[in-house]
Protein backbone atom coordinates (compact mmCIF):
# COMPACT_ATOMS: atom_id res chain seq x y z
CA UNK A 1 -13.53 39.05 1.20
CA UNK A 2 -10.82 37.15 -0.64
CA UNK A 3 -7.18 37.75 0.20
CA UNK A 4 -5.23 39.34 -2.65
CA UNK A 5 -1.58 39.87 -3.48
CA UNK A 6 -0.59 42.30 -6.23
CA UNK A 7 -4.21 42.59 -7.34
CA UNK A 8 -4.80 38.87 -7.79
CA UNK A 9 -6.97 36.73 -5.57
CA UNK A 10 -4.87 34.17 -3.68
CA UNK A 11 -7.22 32.77 -1.04
CA UNK A 12 -10.96 32.41 -0.90
CA UNK A 13 -12.61 32.05 2.53
CA UNK A 14 -14.25 28.63 2.69
CA UNK A 15 -15.62 28.26 6.20
CA UNK A 16 -15.07 28.85 9.89
CA UNK A 17 -15.41 26.10 12.43
CA UNK A 18 -15.31 25.68 16.17
CA UNK A 19 -13.90 22.47 17.62
CA UNK A 20 -13.92 21.35 21.25
CA UNK A 21 -11.72 18.49 22.44
CA UNK A 22 -13.89 15.76 23.88
CA UNK A 23 -10.89 13.96 25.41
CA UNK A 24 -7.42 15.08 26.48
CA UNK A 25 -4.90 15.07 23.63
CA UNK A 26 -1.33 13.81 24.10
CA UNK A 27 0.68 14.56 20.95
CA UNK A 28 3.47 12.08 21.74
CA UNK A 29 0.95 9.23 22.00
CA UNK A 30 -1.18 10.20 19.00
CA UNK A 31 1.50 10.97 16.42
CA UNK A 32 2.87 7.48 15.86
CA UNK A 33 2.77 5.73 12.48
CA UNK A 34 -0.03 3.18 12.39
CA UNK A 35 -2.82 2.00 10.12
CA UNK A 36 -4.40 5.11 8.60
CA UNK A 37 -1.71 7.55 9.79
CA UNK A 38 1.82 8.11 8.51
CA UNK A 39 3.84 10.66 10.49
CA UNK A 40 7.03 12.04 8.99
CA UNK A 41 9.93 12.24 11.46
CA UNK A 42 10.36 15.92 10.57
CA UNK A 43 6.85 16.61 11.92
CA UNK A 44 7.75 14.92 15.19
CA UNK A 45 11.01 16.91 15.45
CA UNK A 46 9.56 20.28 14.36
CA UNK A 47 6.12 20.15 15.98
CA UNK A 48 5.40 17.26 18.35
CA UNK A 49 8.56 17.79 20.43
CA UNK A 50 7.38 21.30 21.37
CA UNK A 51 3.71 20.40 21.85
CA UNK A 52 2.10 19.99 25.25
CA UNK A 53 -0.79 17.80 26.31
CA UNK A 54 -4.12 19.64 25.98
CA UNK A 55 -7.06 19.06 28.31
CA UNK A 56 -10.57 17.97 27.32
CA UNK A 57 -12.83 20.95 26.72
CA UNK A 58 -10.17 23.06 24.98
CA UNK A 59 -11.72 25.04 22.11
CA UNK A 60 -10.32 25.96 18.72
CA UNK A 61 -11.83 28.43 16.28
CA UNK A 62 -10.43 27.97 12.79
CA UNK A 63 -10.78 29.79 9.49
CA UNK A 64 -10.42 27.63 6.39
CA UNK A 65 -9.34 29.15 3.09
CA UNK A 66 -8.96 27.64 -0.35
CA UNK A 67 -5.97 28.52 -2.49
CA UNK A 68 -7.41 29.79 -5.80
CA UNK A 69 -4.17 30.94 -7.45
CA UNK A 70 -0.66 29.49 -7.37
CA UNK A 71 1.23 31.20 -4.55
CA UNK A 72 4.47 30.91 -2.63
CA UNK A 73 4.63 30.47 1.12
CA UNK A 74 5.70 34.10 1.41
CA UNK A 75 2.67 35.25 -0.60
CA UNK A 76 0.39 33.08 1.54
CA UNK A 77 1.80 34.62 4.71
CA UNK A 78 0.95 38.08 3.36
CA UNK A 79 -2.54 37.03 2.25
CA UNK A 80 -3.48 35.28 5.51
CA UNK A 81 -4.71 37.14 8.59
CA UNK A 82 -1.94 38.59 10.79
CA UNK A 83 -2.57 35.88 13.41
CA UNK A 84 -2.26 32.94 10.97
CA UNK A 85 0.31 31.03 13.03
CA UNK A 86 -0.67 28.15 15.31
CA UNK A 87 1.41 27.04 18.26
CA UNK A 88 2.63 23.44 18.22
CA UNK A 89 0.13 22.21 20.83
CA UNK A 90 -2.82 23.67 18.92
CA UNK A 91 -1.64 22.16 15.61
CA UNK A 92 -1.36 18.72 17.16
CA UNK A 93 -4.76 18.79 18.86
CA UNK A 94 -6.52 20.38 15.91
CA UNK A 95 -5.12 18.03 13.27
CA UNK A 96 -5.86 14.97 15.41
CA UNK A 97 -9.45 16.08 16.00
CA UNK A 98 -10.04 16.87 12.34
CA UNK A 99 -8.63 13.61 10.95
CA UNK A 100 -10.62 11.63 13.52
CA UNK A 101 -13.74 13.14 11.90
CA UNK A 102 -12.56 12.05 8.43
CA UNK A 103 -10.55 8.88 9.17
CA UNK A 104 -11.03 7.29 5.75
CA UNK A 105 -10.87 10.46 3.69
CA UNK A 106 -14.57 11.26 3.86
CA UNK A 107 -15.70 14.65 2.59
CA UNK A 108 -15.46 17.28 5.31
CA UNK A 109 -13.50 20.31 6.45
CA UNK A 110 -10.17 18.85 5.34
CA UNK A 111 -9.41 18.45 1.64
CA UNK A 112 -9.15 14.75 0.75
CA UNK A 113 -8.91 14.70 -3.06
CA UNK A 114 -5.14 14.79 -3.36
CA UNK A 115 -4.30 18.34 -2.29
CA UNK A 116 -2.57 19.25 0.95
CA UNK A 117 -4.11 21.03 3.91
CA UNK A 118 -1.63 23.61 5.22
CA UNK A 119 -1.15 25.03 8.72
CA UNK A 120 1.67 27.36 9.70
CA UNK A 121 3.64 27.54 12.92
CA UNK A 122 6.41 29.98 13.71
CA UNK A 123 9.00 27.42 12.55
CA UNK A 124 7.36 25.42 9.78
CA UNK A 125 4.56 24.64 7.39
CA UNK A 126 2.56 21.56 8.38
CA UNK A 127 1.21 19.58 5.43
CA UNK A 128 -1.67 17.20 6.00
CA UNK A 129 -2.59 15.06 3.02
CA UNK A 130 -5.00 12.17 2.57
CA UNK A 131 -3.58 9.45 0.29
CA UNK A 132 -6.62 7.56 -1.08
CA UNK A 133 -4.51 4.90 -2.81
CA UNK A 134 -2.95 3.79 0.48
CA UNK A 135 -5.88 4.93 2.66
CA UNK A 136 -3.66 6.91 4.98
CA UNK A 137 -3.33 10.44 6.29
CA UNK A 138 0.21 11.71 5.79
CA UNK A 139 1.52 14.50 7.97
CA UNK A 140 4.73 16.34 7.22
CA UNK A 141 6.47 19.54 8.22
CA UNK A 142 8.75 21.62 6.05
CA UNK A 143 10.71 24.80 6.60
CA UNK A 144 8.83 27.96 5.80
CA UNK A 145 10.91 28.44 2.66
CA UNK A 146 9.51 29.97 -0.48
CA UNK A 147 7.64 26.82 -1.55
CA UNK A 148 5.17 27.28 -4.39
CA UNK A 149 1.70 25.84 -3.67
CA UNK A 150 -0.84 24.96 -6.33
CA UNK A 151 -4.55 25.69 -6.58
CA UNK A 152 -6.89 23.58 -4.45
CA UNK A 153 -4.92 23.44 -1.22
CA UNK A 154 -6.76 24.38 1.94
CA UNK A 155 -5.07 26.69 4.37
CA UNK A 156 -6.14 26.75 8.02
CA UNK A 157 -5.54 29.66 10.39
CA UNK A 158 -6.76 30.61 13.85
CA UNK A 159 -10.08 32.46 13.43
CA UNK A 160 -10.01 36.16 14.21
């Protein structure tokens, strides 16, 4: 069922996936700017600093939604499941695993056609965007202010 706010559909469920880390993940090592990955300092300060190393074999179940109506961050929070927040360690491991499956913007679970993929933590909104012109994944973090998001974004949340 699609999430609604004030009678309008905001999010449409897209898929659910299960990911298992094949190798340990160290956020401090992974989240460095390099070919194919641009990491905003704000992401390092808001997310990576609080993230812990995660062992191989850790599992993540994720629900992926597509934004089908313009909505603010506050509206998204109401439309998402109650447990829609990731902790910093999970965000780091999950994002790294997902972009490693789509390193050059291939079609997959993450949106790669110019719209952001959004994940929420208690402190911020993580934006993951593939930039096809520069062939790079860009990862940012912004305060959970009342930002307005356009149609086509994908929103990830821990699966219920």
